[in-house]
């Protein structure tokens, strides 16, 4: 019964992290800005860091099951 929230949170974090990494990679590959009005290197780096962070958090939630 207590594993339900862990599965939901893990899936949400993992999907968001993977989608953020995919979106950031696509934007960088096409040389499009990741965030308007911000340094391209800083925005790509920050988005990548948060994508990996959310993906790791999702995996951590799955280990709590």
PDB file of N, CA and C in Angstrom:
ATOM      1  N   UNK A   1       0.815  -1.193   0.000  1.00  0.00           N
ATOM      2  CA  UNK A   1       0.000   0.000   0.000  1.00  0.00           C
ATOM      3  C   UNK A   1       0.862   1.262   0.000  1.00  0.00           C
ATOM      4  N   UNK A   2       1.998   1.228   0.697  1.00  0.00           N
ATOM      5  CA  UNK A   2       2.840   2.411   0.764  1.00  0.00           C
ATOM      6  C   UNK A   2       3.726   2.571  -0.464  1.00  0.00           C
ATOM      7  N   UNK A   3       3.790   1.559  -1.326  1.00  0.00           N
ATOM      8  CA  UNK A   3       4.644   1.663  -2.503  1.00  0.00           C
ATOM      9  C   UNK A   3       3.969   2.456  -3.624  1.00  0.00           C
ATOM     10  N   UNK A   4       2.675   2.681  -3.533  1.00  0.00           N
ATOM     11  CA  UNK A   4       1.957   3.440  -4.564  1.00  0.00           C
ATOM     12  C   UNK A   4       2.487   4.846  -4.764  1.00  0.00           C
ATOM     13  N   UNK A   5       2.624   5.639  -3.691  1.00  0.00           N
ATOM     14  CA  UNK A   5       3.184   6.979  -3.873  1.00  0.00           C
ATOM     15  C   UNK A   5       4.625   6.971  -4.370  1.00  0.00           C
ATOM     16  N   UNK A   6       5.414   5.985  -3.970  1.00  0.00           N
ATOM     17  CA  UNK A   6       6.795   5.911  -4.433  1.00  0.00           C
ATOM     18  C   UNK A   6       6.853   5.616  -5.925  1.00  0.00           C
ATOM     19  N   UNK A   7       5.968   4.759  -6.392  1.00  0.00           N
ATOM     20  CA  UNK A   7       5.917   4.450  -7.822  1.00  0.00           C
ATOM     21  C   UNK A   7       5.479   5.681  -8.611  1.00  0.00           C
ATOM     22  N   UNK A   8       4.461   6.373  -8.129  1.00  0.00           N
ATOM     23  CA  UNK A   8       3.984   7.573  -8.817  1.00  0.00           C
ATOM     24  C   UNK A   8       5.051   8.655  -8.850  1.00  0.00           C
ATOM     25  N   UNK A   9       5.684   8.915  -7.711  1.00  0.00           N
ATOM     26  CA  UNK A   9       6.723   9.946  -7.652  1.00  0.00           C
ATOM     27  C   UNK A   9       7.919   9.552  -8.503  1.00  0.00           C
ATOM     28  N   UNK A  10       8.314   8.304  -8.445  1.00  0.00           N
ATOM     29  CA  UNK A  10       9.446   7.844  -9.255  1.00  0.00           C
ATOM     30  C   UNK A  10       9.170   7.976 -10.738  1.00  0.00           C
ATOM     31  N   UNK A  11       7.967   7.611 -11.147  1.00  0.00           N
ATOM     32  CA  UNK A  11       7.606   7.728 -12.566  1.00  0.00           C
ATOM     33  C   UNK A  11       7.555   9.188 -12.997  1.00  0.00           C
ATOM     34  N   UNK A  12       6.992  10.048 -12.166  1.00  0.00           N
ATOM     35  CA  UNK A  12       6.892  11.469 -12.512  1.00  0.00           C
ATOM     36  C   UNK A  12       8.269  12.100 -12.619  1.00  0.00           C
ATOM     37  N   UNK A  13       9.138  11.850 -11.645  1.00  0.00           N
ATOM     38  CA  UNK A  13      10.482  12.421 -11.677  1.00  0.00           C
ATOM     39  C   UNK A  13      11.290  11.872 -12.846  1.00  0.00           C
ATOM     40  N   UNK A  14      11.222  10.565 -13.070  1.00  0.00           N
ATOM     41  CA  UNK A  14      12.006   9.953 -14.145  1.00  0.00           C
ATOM     42  C   UNK A  14      11.532  10.434 -15.516  1.00  0.00           C
ATOM     43  N   UNK A  15      10.227  10.520 -15.722  1.00  0.00           N
ATOM     44  CA  UNK A  15       9.713  10.999 -17.002  1.00  0.00           C
ATOM     45  C   UNK A  15      10.073  12.459 -17.239  1.00  0.00           C
ATOM     46  N   UNK A  16       9.953  13.278 -16.209  1.00  0.00           N
ATOM     47  CA  UNK A  16      10.289  14.687 -16.362  1.00  0.00           C
ATOM     48  C   UNK A  16      11.785  14.866 -16.635  1.00  0.00           C
ATOM     49  N   UNK A  17      12.619  14.146 -15.900  1.00  0.00           N
ATOM     50  CA  UNK A  17      14.058  14.244 -16.109  1.00  0.00           C
ATOM     51  C   UNK A  17      14.469  13.787 -17.498  1.00  0.00           C
ATOM     52  N   UNK A  18      13.915  12.665 -17.952  1.00  0.00           N
ATOM     53  CA  UNK A  18      14.238  12.164 -19.286  1.00  0.00           C
ATOM     54  C   UNK A  18      13.750  13.124 -20.364  1.00  0.00           C
ATOM     55  N   UNK A  19      12.549  13.658 -20.198  1.00  0.00           N
ATOM     56  CA  UNK A  19      12.013  14.601 -21.183  1.00  0.00           C
ATOM     57  C   UNK A  19      12.832  15.892 -21.215  1.00  0.00           C
ATOM     58  N   UNK A  20      13.263  16.369 -20.059  1.00  0.00           N
ATOM     59  CA  UNK A  20      14.077  17.578 -20.010  1.00  0.00           C
ATOM     60  C   UNK A  20      15.428  17.356 -20.686  1.00  0.00           C
ATOM     61  N   UNK A  21      16.044  16.194 -20.463  1.00  0.00           N
ATOM     62  CA  UNK A  21      17.307  15.892 -21.124  1.00  0.00           C
ATOM     63  C   UNK A  21      17.131  15.752 -22.632  1.00  0.00           C
ATOM     64  N   UNK A  22      16.070  15.112 -23.051  1.00  0.00           N
ATOM     65  CA  UNK A  22      15.801  14.948 -24.479  1.00  0.00           C
ATOM     66  C   UNK A  22      15.554  16.300 -25.142  1.00  0.00           C
ATOM     67  N   UNK A  23      14.753  17.140 -24.511  1.00  0.00           N
ATOM     68  CA  UNK A  23      14.443  18.458 -25.056  1.00  0.00           C
ATOM     69  C   UNK A  23      15.696  19.330 -25.117  1.00  0.00           C
ATOM     70  N   UNK A  24      16.493  19.308 -24.063  1.00  0.00           N
ATOM     71  CA  UNK A  24      17.717  20.104 -24.030  1.00  0.00           C
ATOM     72  C   UNK A  24      18.693  19.621 -25.097  1.00  0.00           C
ATOM     73  N   UNK A  25      18.852  18.326 -25.221  1.00  0.00           N
ATOM     74  CA  UNK A  25      19.738  17.780 -26.247  1.00  0.00           C
ATOM     75  C   UNK A  25      19.307  18.144 -27.654  1.00  0.00           C
ATOM     76  N   UNK A  26      18.007  18.117 -27.895  1.00  0.00           N
ATOM     77  CA  UNK A  26      17.486  18.484 -29.206  1.00  0.00           C
ATOM     78  C   UNK A  26      17.725  19.954 -29.500  1.00  0.00           C
ATOM     79  N   UNK A  27      17.494  20.806 -28.510  1.00  0.00           N
ATOM     80  CA  UNK A  27      17.714  22.242 -28.703  1.00  0.00           C
ATOM     81  C   UNK A  27      19.185  22.550 -28.960  1.00  0.00           C
ATOM     82  N   UNK A  28      20.076  21.893 -28.225  1.00  0.00           N
ATOM     83  CA  UNK A  28      21.510  22.119 -28.394  1.00  0.00           C
ATOM     84  C   UNK A  28      21.968  21.588 -29.755  1.00  0.00           C
ATOM     85  N   UNK A  29      21.448  20.437 -30.159  1.00  0.00           N
ATOM     86  CA  UNK A  29      21.819  19.838 -31.431  1.00  0.00           C
ATOM     87  C   UNK A  29      21.442  20.739 -32.609  1.00  0.00           C
ATOM     88  N   UNK A  30      20.298  21.395 -32.514  1.00  0.00           N
ATOM     89  CA  UNK A  30      19.839  22.299 -33.575  1.00  0.00           C
ATOM     90  C   UNK A  30      20.343  23.732 -33.389  1.00  0.00           C
ATOM     91  N   UNK A  31      21.197  23.928 -32.403  1.00  0.00           N
ATOM     92  CA  UNK A  31      21.751  25.249 -32.076  1.00  0.00           C
ATOM     93  C   UNK A  31      20.665  26.293 -31.816  1.00  0.00           C
ATOM     94  N   UNK A  32      19.594  25.856 -31.222  1.00  0.00           N
ATOM     95  CA  UNK A  32      18.504  26.746 -30.831  1.00  0.00           C
ATOM     96  C   UNK A  32      18.682  27.102 -29.353  1.00  0.00           C
ATOM     97  N   UNK A  33      18.192  28.262 -28.945  1.00  0.00           N
ATOM     98  CA  UNK A  33      18.357  28.627 -27.527  1.00  0.00           C
ATOM     99  C   UNK A  33      17.531  27.728 -26.605  1.00  0.00           C
ATOM    100  N   UNK A  34      18.117  27.353 -25.513  1.00  0.00           N
ATOM    101  CA  UNK A  34      17.396  26.551 -24.525  1.00  0.00           C
ATOM    102  C   UNK A  34      16.463  27.447 -23.721  1.00  0.00           C
ATOM    103  N   UNK A  35      16.922  28.655 -23.400  1.00  0.00           N
ATOM    104  CA  UNK A  35      16.108  29.656 -22.714  1.00  0.00           C
ATOM    105  C   UNK A  35      16.414  31.010 -23.348  1.00  0.00           C
ATOM    106  N   UNK A  36      15.397  31.756 -23.661  1.00  0.00           N
ATOM    107  CA  UNK A  36      15.587  33.056 -24.297  1.00  0.00           C
ATOM    108  C   UNK A  36      16.078  34.086 -23.289  1.00  0.00           C
ATOM    109  N   UNK A  37      17.045  34.888 -23.706  1.00  0.00           N
ATOM    110  CA  UNK A  37      17.543  35.953 -22.859  1.00  0.00           C
ATOM    111  C   UNK A  37      18.594  35.518 -21.853  1.00  0.00           C
ATOM    112  N   UNK A  38      19.080  34.288 -21.977  1.00  0.00           N
ATOM    113  CA  UNK A  38      20.075  33.768 -21.045  1.00  0.00           C
ATOM    114  C   UNK A  38      21.246  33.249 -21.876  1.00  0.00           C
ATOM    115  N   UNK A  39      22.414  33.211 -21.280  1.00  0.00           N
ATOM    116  CA  UNK A  39      23.580  32.662 -21.964  1.00  0.00           C
ATOM    117  C   UNK A  39      23.296  31.238 -22.430  1.00  0.00           C
ATOM    118  N   UNK A  40      23.592  30.918 -23.686  1.00  0.00           N
ATOM    119  CA  UNK A  40      23.314  29.560 -24.190  1.00  0.00           C
ATOM    120  C   UNK A  40      24.040  28.464 -23.412  1.00  0.00           C
ATOM    121  N   UNK A  41      25.269  28.723 -23.026  1.00  0.00           N
ATOM    122  CA  UNK A  41      26.029  27.712 -22.281  1.00  0.00           C
ATOM    123  C   UNK A  41      25.443  27.523 -20.887  1.00  0.00           C
ATOM    124  N   UNK A  42      25.111  28.630 -20.228  1.00  0.00           N
ATOM    125  CA  UNK A  42      24.563  28.538 -18.872  1.00  0.00           C
ATOM    126  C   UNK A  42      23.202  27.842 -18.867  1.00  0.00           C
ATOM    127  N   UNK A  43      22.354  28.178 -19.822  1.00  0.00           N
ATOM    128  CA  UNK A  43      21.018  27.574 -19.835  1.00  0.00           C
ATOM    129  C   UNK A  43      21.079  26.091 -20.176  1.00  0.00           C
ATOM    130  N   UNK A  44      21.941  25.714 -21.117  1.00  0.00           N
ATOM    131  CA  UNK A  44      22.069  24.298 -21.462  1.00  0.00           C
ATOM    132  C   UNK A  44      22.663  23.508 -20.296  1.00  0.00           C
ATOM    133  N   UNK A  45      23.638  24.079 -19.632  1.00  0.00           N
ATOM    134  CA  UNK A  45      24.255  23.406 -18.490  1.00  0.00           C
ATOM    135  C   UNK A  45      23.267  23.242 -17.344  1.00  0.00           C
ATOM    136  N   UNK A  46      22.555  24.289 -17.033  1.00  0.00           N
ATOM    137  CA  UNK A  46      21.593  24.225 -15.933  1.00  0.00           C
ATOM    138  C   UNK A  46      20.454  23.247 -16.238  1.00  0.00           C
ATOM    139  N   UNK A  47      19.965  23.257 -17.462  1.00  0.00           N
ATOM    140  CA  UNK A  47      18.903  22.323 -17.840  1.00  0.00           C
ATOM    141  C   UNK A  47      19.388  20.884 -17.791  1.00  0.00           C
ATOM    142  N   UNK A  48      20.622  20.651 -18.204  1.00  0.00           N
ATOM    143  CA  UNK A  48      21.183  19.299 -18.149  1.00  0.00           C
ATOM    144  C   UNK A  48      21.358  18.837 -16.711  1.00  0.00           C
ATOM    145  N   UNK A  49      21.854  19.716 -15.863  1.00  0.00           N
ATOM    146  CA  UNK A  49      22.044  19.364 -14.448  1.00  0.00           C
ATOM    147  C   UNK A  49      20.705  19.006 -13.804  1.00  0.00           C
ATOM    148  N   UNK A  50      19.678  19.810 -14.054  1.00  0.00           N
ATOM    149  CA  UNK A  50      18.378  19.514 -13.464  1.00  0.00           C
ATOM    150  C   UNK A  50      17.740  18.273 -14.075  1.00  0.00           C
ATOM    151  N   UNK A  51      17.961  18.024 -15.358  1.00  0.00           N
ATOM    152  CA  UNK A  51      17.455  16.800 -15.978  1.00  0.00           C
ATOM    153  C   UNK A  51      18.054  15.567 -15.338  1.00  0.00           C
ATOM    154  N   UNK A  52      19.362  15.588 -15.142  1.00  0.00           N
ATOM    155  CA  UNK A  52      20.030  14.449 -14.492  1.00  0.00           C
ATOM    156  C   UNK A  52      19.576  14.323 -13.043  1.00  0.00           C
ATOM    157  N   UNK A  53      19.424  15.451 -12.363  1.00  0.00           N
ATOM    158  CA  UNK A  53      18.979  15.428 -10.967  1.00  0.00           C
ATOM    159  C   UNK A  53      17.598  14.788 -10.834  1.00  0.00           C
ATOM    160  N   UNK A  54      16.669  15.175 -11.695  1.00  0.00           N
ATOM    161  CA  UNK A  54      15.329  14.595 -11.633  1.00  0.00           C
ATOM    162  C   UNK A  54      15.332  13.120 -12.021  1.00  0.00           C
ATOM    163  N   UNK A  55      16.174  12.740 -12.969  1.00  0.00           N
ATOM    164  CA  UNK A  55      16.260  11.336 -13.350  1.00  0.00           C
ATOM    165  C   UNK A  55      16.814  10.499 -12.202  1.00  0.00           C
ATOM    166  N   UNK A  56      17.835  10.994 -11.537  1.00  0.00           N
ATOM    167  CA  UNK A  56      18.408  10.280 -10.382  1.00  0.00           C
ATOM    168  C   UNK A  56      17.398  10.220  -9.240  1.00  0.00           C
ATOM    169  N   UNK A  57      16.655  11.295  -9.031  1.00  0.00           N
ATOM    170  CA  UNK A  57      15.634  11.301  -7.979  1.00  0.00           C
ATOM    171  C   UNK A  57      14.539  10.277  -8.271  1.00  0.00           C
ATOM    172  N   UNK A  58      14.163  10.147  -9.529  1.00  0.00           N
ATOM    173  CA  UNK A  58      13.178   9.135  -9.913  1.00  0.00           C
ATOM    174  C   UNK A  58      13.680   7.727  -9.666  1.00  0.00           C
ATOM    175  N   UNK A  59      14.932   7.469 -10.017  1.00  0.00           N
ATOM    176  CA  UNK A  59      15.515   6.148  -9.767  1.00  0.00           C
ATOM    177  C   UNK A  59      15.606   5.886  -8.272  1.00  0.00           C
ATOM    178  N   UNK A  60      15.956   6.913  -7.507  1.00  0.00           N
ATOM    179  CA  UNK A  60      16.019   6.741  -6.050  1.00  0.00           C
ATOM    180  C   UNK A  60      14.634   6.382  -5.479  1.00  0.00           C
ATOM    181  N   UNK A  61      13.596   7.021  -6.001  1.00  0.00           N
ATOM    182  CA  UNK A  61      12.237   6.691  -5.535  1.00  0.00           C
ATOM    183  C   UNK A  61      11.890   5.234  -5.848  1.00  0.00           C
ATOM    184  N   UNK A  62      12.339   4.748  -7.012  1.00  0.00           N
ATOM    185  CA  UNK A  62      12.063   3.354  -7.357  1.00  0.00           C
ATOM    186  C   UNK A  62      12.820   2.390  -6.443  1.00  0.00           C
ATOM    187  N   UNK A  63      13.954   2.806  -5.908  1.00  0.00           N
ATOM    188  CA  UNK A  63      14.674   1.902  -4.996  1.00  0.00           C
ATOM    189  C   UNK A  63      14.019   1.844  -3.626  1.00  0.00           C
ATOM    190  N   UNK A  64      13.129   2.753  -3.329  1.00  0.00           N
ATOM    191  CA  UNK A  64      12.428   2.790  -2.026  1.00  0.00           C
ATOM    192  C   UNK A  64      11.219   1.872  -2.004  1.00  0.00           C
ATOM    193  N   UNK A  65      10.928   1.216  -3.098  1.00  0.00           N
ATOM    194  CA  UNK A  65       9.739   0.337  -3.175  1.00  0.00           C
ATOM    195  C   UNK A  65       9.968  -0.925  -2.404  1.00  0.00           C
TER     196      UNK A  65
END
